[in-house]
Amino acid sequence: MLDSRHHNWGLIGCFIIATGALVFGLFAQVVWHMRPCPWCTLQRLIFATLSISSLLGALVGLTDSRLGFHQTQSVGFARLGFSGLVIALALAGVAAAAWQSFGPVDAAGCSLTLADRIVQATTLDIRLPFLFSATANCDEANVPLLGIPFAVWSMLTFAIIALLMMIASTSTSTLFRNPSD
């Protein structure tokens, strides 16, 4: 049976993977001059949100153990909520990357898609254009890396995050376990 330490390590692992994916995307943009498309920027937004959610969930667990609360029910619910959010975001990322890879994306461009509308609604494309402004169409952005399209790498990364969090959360009863048991 998994304990809260495994759960925290799962959240920390998700944070590291999501942050690494975000940093690698920026590296590819700056060093390799790979311009992001609207679906790429949406995936960046999901990776950033995953990083923050994973970190907050891990901090709740670390604070819990440091302060000696040891699995109070409210902390258990908070950690379970962050885990659920991480899994939901990772699955949304899988869907976005799958749509970019296999969906009926217009070959001439993918502007004014759902991805555009979501990123524009957050106004992050204006506030942080370096990170969230789409500067390429989908055909230009989904180039192969080691023979595999960039969006497929992204989809695999989201799937790994979802799987890691599911494994770390398989024993929800340990989130609510009384330490004296």
C-alpha atoms as a PDB file:
ATOM      1  CA  MET A   1       0.000   0.000   0.000  1.00  0.00           C
ATOM      2  CA  LEU A   2       1.329   3.434  -0.939  1.00  0.00           C
ATOM      3  CA  ASP A   3       1.780   6.081   1.695  1.00  0.00           C
ATOM      4  CA  SER A   4       1.750   9.871   1.639  1.00  0.00           C
ATOM      5  CA  ARG A   5       5.477  10.022   0.861  1.00  0.00           C
ATOM      6  CA  HIS A   6       4.867   8.182  -2.406  1.00  0.00           C
ATOM      7  CA  HIS A   7       2.075  10.597  -3.166  1.00  0.00           C
ATOM      8  CA  ASN A   8       4.327  13.598  -2.534  1.00  0.00           C
ATOM      9  CA  TRP A   9       7.075  12.107  -4.693  1.00  0.00           C
ATOM     10  CA  GLY A  10       4.498  11.563  -7.435  1.00  0.00           C
ATOM     11  CA  LEU A  11       3.519  15.226  -7.292  1.00  0.00           C
ATOM     12  CA  ILE A  12       7.173  16.306  -7.261  1.00  0.00           C
ATOM     13  CA  GLY A  13       7.866  14.018 -10.228  1.00  0.00           C
ATOM     14  CA  CYS A  14       4.938  15.543 -12.138  1.00  0.00           C
ATOM     15  CA  PHE A  15       6.258  19.018 -11.334  1.00  0.00           C
ATOM     16  CA  ILE A  16       9.731  18.131 -12.629  1.00  0.00           C
ATOM     17  CA  ILE A  17       8.427  16.529 -15.824  1.00  0.00           C
ATOM     18  CA  ALA A  18       5.961  19.335 -16.626  1.00  0.00           C
ATOM     19  CA  THR A  19       8.519  22.052 -15.897  1.00  0.00           C
ATOM     20  CA  GLY A  20      11.140  20.196 -17.931  1.00  0.00           C
ATOM     21  CA  ALA A  21       8.750  19.947 -20.887  1.00  0.00           C
ATOM     22  CA  LEU A  22       7.996  23.653 -20.669  1.00  0.00           C
ATOM     23  CA  VAL A  23      11.695  24.549 -20.485  1.00  0.00           C
ATOM     24  CA  PHE A  24      12.493  22.216 -23.389  1.00  0.00           C
ATOM     25  CA  GLY A  25       9.790  23.872 -25.505  1.00  0.00           C
ATOM     26  CA  LEU A  26      11.318  27.273 -24.784  1.00  0.00           C
ATOM     27  CA  PHE A  27      14.779  25.894 -25.549  1.00  0.00           C
ATOM     28  CA  ALA A  28      13.516  24.607 -28.909  1.00  0.00           C
ATOM     29  CA  GLN A  29      11.988  28.018 -29.622  1.00  0.00           C
ATOM     30  CA  VAL A  30      15.079  30.042 -28.728  1.00  0.00           C
ATOM     31  CA  VAL A  31      17.940  27.780 -29.800  1.00  0.00           C
ATOM     32  CA  TRP A  32      16.405  25.811 -32.677  1.00  0.00           C
ATOM     33  CA  HIS A  33      14.093  28.666 -33.806  1.00  0.00           C
ATOM     34  CA  MET A  34      10.995  26.455 -33.642  1.00  0.00           C
ATOM     35  CA  ARG A  35       8.046  28.811 -33.633  1.00  0.00           C
ATOM     36  CA  PRO A  36       4.945  27.707 -31.681  1.00  0.00           C
ATOM     37  CA  CYS A  37       1.493  27.316 -33.201  1.00  0.00           C
ATOM     38  CA  PRO A  38      -1.797  27.898 -31.329  1.00  0.00           C
ATOM     39  CA  TRP A  39      -1.974  24.253 -30.223  1.00  0.00           C
ATOM     40  CA  CYS A  40       1.646  24.457 -29.025  1.00  0.00           C
ATOM     41  CA  THR A  41       0.886  27.516 -26.909  1.00  0.00           C
ATOM     42  CA  LEU A  42      -2.175  25.797 -25.437  1.00  0.00           C
ATOM     43  CA  GLN A  43       0.009  22.837 -24.486  1.00  0.00           C
ATOM     44  CA  ARG A  44       2.505  25.250 -22.915  1.00  0.00           C
ATOM     45  CA  LEU A  45      -0.308  26.725 -20.872  1.00  0.00           C
ATOM     46  CA  ILE A  46      -1.331  23.238 -19.744  1.00  0.00           C
ATOM     47  CA  PHE A  47       2.278  22.323 -18.854  1.00  0.00           C
ATOM     48  CA  ALA A  48       2.616  25.582 -16.852  1.00  0.00           C
ATOM     49  CA  THR A  49      -0.652  24.917 -15.019  1.00  0.00           C
ATOM     50  CA  LEU A  50       0.451  21.331 -14.372  1.00  0.00           C
ATOM     51  CA  SER A  51       3.726  22.574 -12.901  1.00  0.00           C
ATOM     52  CA  ILE A  52       1.984  24.982 -10.564  1.00  0.00           C
ATOM     53  CA  SER A  53      -0.699  22.465  -9.514  1.00  0.00           C
ATOM     54  CA  SER A  54       1.858  19.726  -8.857  1.00  0.00           C
ATOM     55  CA  LEU A  55       4.055  22.063  -6.852  1.00  0.00           C
ATOM     56  CA  LEU A  56       1.147  23.327  -4.755  1.00  0.00           C
ATOM     57  CA  GLY A  57      -0.018  19.768  -4.106  1.00  0.00           C
ATOM     58  CA  ALA A  58       3.472  18.720  -3.034  1.00  0.00           C
ATOM     59  CA  LEU A  59       3.793  21.783  -0.794  1.00  0.00           C
ATOM     60  CA  VAL A  60       0.503  20.903   0.915  1.00  0.00           C
ATOM     61  CA  GLY A  61       1.923  17.454   1.648  1.00  0.00           C
ATOM     62  CA  LEU A  62       5.282  18.792   2.820  1.00  0.00           C
ATOM     63  CA  THR A  63       3.672  21.436   5.006  1.00  0.00           C
ATOM     64  CA  ASP A  64       1.397  18.776   6.445  1.00  0.00           C
ATOM     65  CA  SER A  65       4.301  16.584   7.540  1.00  0.00           C
ATOM     66  CA  ARG A  66       6.504  19.492   8.698  1.00  0.00           C
ATOM     67  CA  LEU A  67       3.799  20.943  10.928  1.00  0.00           C
ATOM     68  CA  GLY A  68       2.914  17.548  12.349  1.00  0.00           C
ATOM     69  CA  PHE A  69      -0.652  17.385  11.088  1.00  0.00           C
ATOM     70  CA  HIS A  70      -0.034  13.934   9.612  1.00  0.00           C
ATOM     71  CA  GLN A  71      -2.964  13.400   7.333  1.00  0.00           C
ATOM     72  CA  THR A  72      -5.768  15.464   8.708  1.00  0.00           C
ATOM     73  CA  GLN A  73      -8.841  14.892   6.621  1.00  0.00           C
ATOM     74  CA  SER A  74      -8.881  18.403   5.116  1.00  0.00           C
ATOM     75  CA  VAL A  75      -5.241  18.115   4.036  1.00  0.00           C
ATOM     76  CA  GLY A  76      -6.016  14.705   2.551  1.00  0.00           C
ATOM     77  CA  PHE A  77      -8.880  16.178   0.552  1.00  0.00           C
ATOM     78  CA  ALA A  78      -6.671  19.056  -0.619  1.00  0.00           C
ATOM     79  CA  ARG A  79      -3.955  16.656  -1.786  1.00  0.00           C
ATOM     80  CA  LEU A  80      -6.526  14.450  -3.468  1.00  0.00           C
ATOM     81  CA  GLY A  81      -7.956  17.547  -5.182  1.00  0.00           C
ATOM     82  CA  PHE A  82      -4.530  18.563  -6.494  1.00  0.00           C
ATOM     83  CA  SER A  83      -3.947  15.011  -7.702  1.00  0.00           C
ATOM     84  CA  GLY A  84      -7.256  15.010  -9.537  1.00  0.00           C
ATOM     85  CA  LEU A  85      -6.449  18.382 -11.066  1.00  0.00           C
ATOM     86  CA  VAL A  86      -3.035  17.155 -12.231  1.00  0.00           C
ATOM     87  CA  ILE A  87      -4.595  14.072 -13.824  1.00  0.00           C
ATOM     88  CA  ALA A  88      -7.346  16.123 -15.501  1.00  0.00           C
ATOM     89  CA  LEU A  89      -4.849  18.653 -16.860  1.00  0.00           C
ATOM     90  CA  ALA A  90      -2.559  15.895 -18.131  1.00  0.00           C
ATOM     91  CA  LEU A  91      -5.476  14.243 -19.924  1.00  0.00           C
ATOM     92  CA  ALA A  92      -6.472  17.613 -21.401  1.00  0.00           C
ATOM     93  CA  GLY A  93      -2.889  17.934 -22.612  1.00  0.00           C
ATOM     94  CA  VAL A  94      -3.066  14.479 -24.205  1.00  0.00           C
ATOM     95  CA  ALA A  95      -6.243  15.561 -25.991  1.00  0.00           C
ATOM     96  CA  ALA A  96      -4.726  18.853 -27.207  1.00  0.00           C
ATOM     97  CA  ALA A  97      -1.570  17.151 -28.484  1.00  0.00           C
ATOM     98  CA  ALA A  98      -3.604  14.362 -30.102  1.00  0.00           C
ATOM     99  CA  TRP A  99      -5.808  16.927 -31.815  1.00  0.00           C
ATOM    100  CA  GLN A 100      -2.736  18.745 -33.104  1.00  0.00           C
ATOM    101  CA  SER A 101      -1.249  15.468 -34.375  1.00  0.00           C
ATOM    102  CA  PHE A 102      -4.267  13.609 -35.680  1.00  0.00           C
ATOM    103  CA  GLY A 103      -7.173  16.043 -35.815  1.00  0.00           C
ATOM    104  CA  PRO A 104      -8.472  17.764 -38.938  1.00  0.00           C
ATOM    105  CA  VAL A 105      -6.139  20.750 -38.665  1.00  0.00           C
ATOM    106  CA  ASP A 106      -6.221  23.095 -41.634  1.00  0.00           C
ATOM    107  CA  ALA A 107      -2.929  22.651 -43.492  1.00  0.00           C
ATOM    108  CA  ALA A 108      -2.699  26.344 -44.351  1.00  0.00           C
ATOM    109  CA  GLY A 109      -2.926  27.376 -40.724  1.00  0.00           C
ATOM    110  CA  CYS A 110      -4.671  26.668 -37.499  1.00  0.00           C
ATOM    111  CA  SER A 111      -5.729  30.139 -36.467  1.00  0.00           C
ATOM    112  CA  LEU A 112      -8.972  30.883 -34.679  1.00  0.00           C
ATOM    113  CA  THR A 113      -9.199  27.347 -33.357  1.00  0.00           C
ATOM    114  CA  LEU A 114     -10.256  26.319 -29.883  1.00  0.00           C
ATOM    115  CA  ALA A 115      -6.597  26.589 -28.848  1.00  0.00           C
ATOM    116  CA  ASP A 116      -6.469  30.215 -30.029  1.00  0.00           C
ATOM    117  CA  ARG A 117      -9.649  31.099 -28.202  1.00  0.00           C
ATOM    118  CA  ILE A 118      -8.511  29.536 -24.925  1.00  0.00           C
ATOM    119  CA  VAL A 119      -5.092  31.215 -24.919  1.00  0.00           C
ATOM    120  CA  GLN A 120      -6.582  34.563 -26.007  1.00  0.00           C
ATOM    121  CA  ALA A 121      -9.226  34.340 -23.276  1.00  0.00           C
ATOM    122  CA  THR A 122      -6.457  34.156 -20.674  1.00  0.00           C
ATOM    123  CA  THR A 123      -4.768  37.215 -22.279  1.00  0.00           C
ATOM    124  CA  LEU A 124      -1.446  35.458 -21.729  1.00  0.00           C
ATOM    125  CA  ASP A 125      -0.629  35.874 -25.415  1.00  0.00           C
ATOM    126  CA  ILE A 126      -0.545  39.639 -24.754  1.00  0.00           C
ATOM    127  CA  ARG A 127       0.924  39.596 -21.237  1.00  0.00           C
ATOM    128  CA  LEU A 128       3.619  36.968 -21.922  1.00  0.00           C
ATOM    129  CA  PRO A 129       3.989  36.894 -25.704  1.00  0.00           C
ATOM    130  CA  PHE A 130       7.365  35.134 -25.561  1.00  0.00           C
ATOM    131  CA  LEU A 131       5.674  32.127 -23.952  1.00  0.00           C
ATOM    132  CA  PHE A 132       2.136  32.158 -25.284  1.00  0.00           C
ATOM    133  CA  SER A 133       2.020  33.985 -28.615  1.00  0.00           C
ATOM    134  CA  ALA A 134       1.517  31.669 -31.584  1.00  0.00           C
ATOM    135  CA  THR A 135       3.872  32.639 -34.389  1.00  0.00           C
ATOM    136  CA  ALA A 136       3.578  29.636 -36.724  1.00  0.00           C
ATOM    137  CA  ASN A 137       0.912  27.477 -38.270  1.00  0.00           C
ATOM    138  CA  CYS A 138       0.500  23.873 -37.165  1.00  0.00           C
ATOM    139  CA  ASP A 139       2.364  22.359 -40.102  1.00  0.00           C
ATOM    140  CA  GLU A 140       5.453  24.443 -39.367  1.00  0.00           C
ATOM    141  CA  ALA A 141       5.393  23.773 -35.629  1.00  0.00           C
ATOM    142  CA  ASN A 142       4.865  20.018 -35.594  1.00  0.00           C
ATOM    143  CA  VAL A 143       8.297  19.107 -36.914  1.00  0.00           C
ATOM    144  CA  PRO A 144       9.883  15.755 -36.136  1.00  0.00           C
ATOM    145  CA  LEU A 145      12.358  15.336 -33.307  1.00  0.00           C
ATOM    146  CA  LEU A 146      14.236  12.032 -33.601  1.00  0.00           C
ATOM    147  CA  GLY A 147      11.723  11.084 -36.289  1.00  0.00           C
ATOM    148  CA  ILE A 148       8.670  11.679 -34.080  1.00  0.00           C
ATOM    149  CA  PRO A 149       6.504  14.819 -34.458  1.00  0.00           C
ATOM    150  CA  PHE A 150       6.887  17.330 -31.630  1.00  0.00           C
ATOM    151  CA  ALA A 151       3.190  17.070 -30.700  1.00  0.00           C
ATOM    152  CA  VAL A 152       3.500  13.303 -30.253  1.00  0.00           C
ATOM    153  CA  TRP A 153       6.389  13.867 -27.825  1.00  0.00           C
ATOM    154  CA  SER A 154       4.155  16.302 -25.977  1.00  0.00           C
ATOM    155  CA  MET A 155       1.297  13.793 -25.928  1.00  0.00           C
ATOM    156  CA  LEU A 156       3.603  11.102 -24.511  1.00  0.00           C
ATOM    157  CA  THR A 157       4.854  13.498 -21.839  1.00  0.00           C
ATOM    158  CA  PHE A 158       1.303  14.353 -20.781  1.00  0.00           C
ATOM    159  CA  ALA A 159       0.455  10.643 -20.695  1.00  0.00           C
ATOM    160  CA  ILE A 160       3.485   9.910 -18.484  1.00  0.00           C
ATOM    161  CA  ILE A 161       2.426  12.667 -16.083  1.00  0.00           C
ATOM    162  CA  ALA A 162      -1.133  11.290 -15.907  1.00  0.00           C
ATOM    163  CA  LEU A 163       0.132   7.748 -15.362  1.00  0.00           C
ATOM    164  CA  LEU A 164       2.614   8.830 -12.687  1.00  0.00           C
ATOM    165  CA  MET A 165      -0.063  10.717 -10.777  1.00  0.00           C
ATOM    166  CA  MET A 166      -2.526   7.833 -11.105  1.00  0.00           C
ATOM    167  CA  ILE A 167       0.051   5.401  -9.712  1.00  0.00           C
ATOM    168  CA  ALA A 168       0.966   7.769  -6.878  1.00  0.00           C
ATOM    169  CA  SER A 169      -2.726   8.213  -6.039  1.00  0.00           C
ATOM    170  CA  THR A 170      -3.869   4.604  -6.295  1.00  0.00           C
ATOM    171  CA  SER A 171      -4.266   4.246  -2.568  1.00  0.00           C
ATOM    172  CA  THR A 172      -6.438   7.187  -1.610  1.00  0.00           C
ATOM    173  CA  SER A 173      -7.152   5.566   1.723  1.00  0.00           C
ATOM    174  CA  THR A 174      -3.582   6.366   2.772  1.00  0.00           C
ATOM    175  CA  LEU A 175      -4.299  10.033   2.219  1.00  0.00           C
ATOM    176  CA  PHE A 176      -6.837   9.867   5.046  1.00  0.00           C
ATOM    177  CA  ARG A 177      -5.068   7.333   7.273  1.00  0.00           C
ATOM    178  CA  ASN A 178      -4.675   8.159  10.931  1.00  0.00           C
ATOM    179  CA  PRO A 179      -0.939   8.079  11.797  1.00  0.00           C
ATOM    180  CA  SER A 180      -1.646   6.213  15.022  1.00  0.00           C
ATOM    181  CA  ASP A 181      -3.094   3.230  13.067  1.00  0.00           C
END
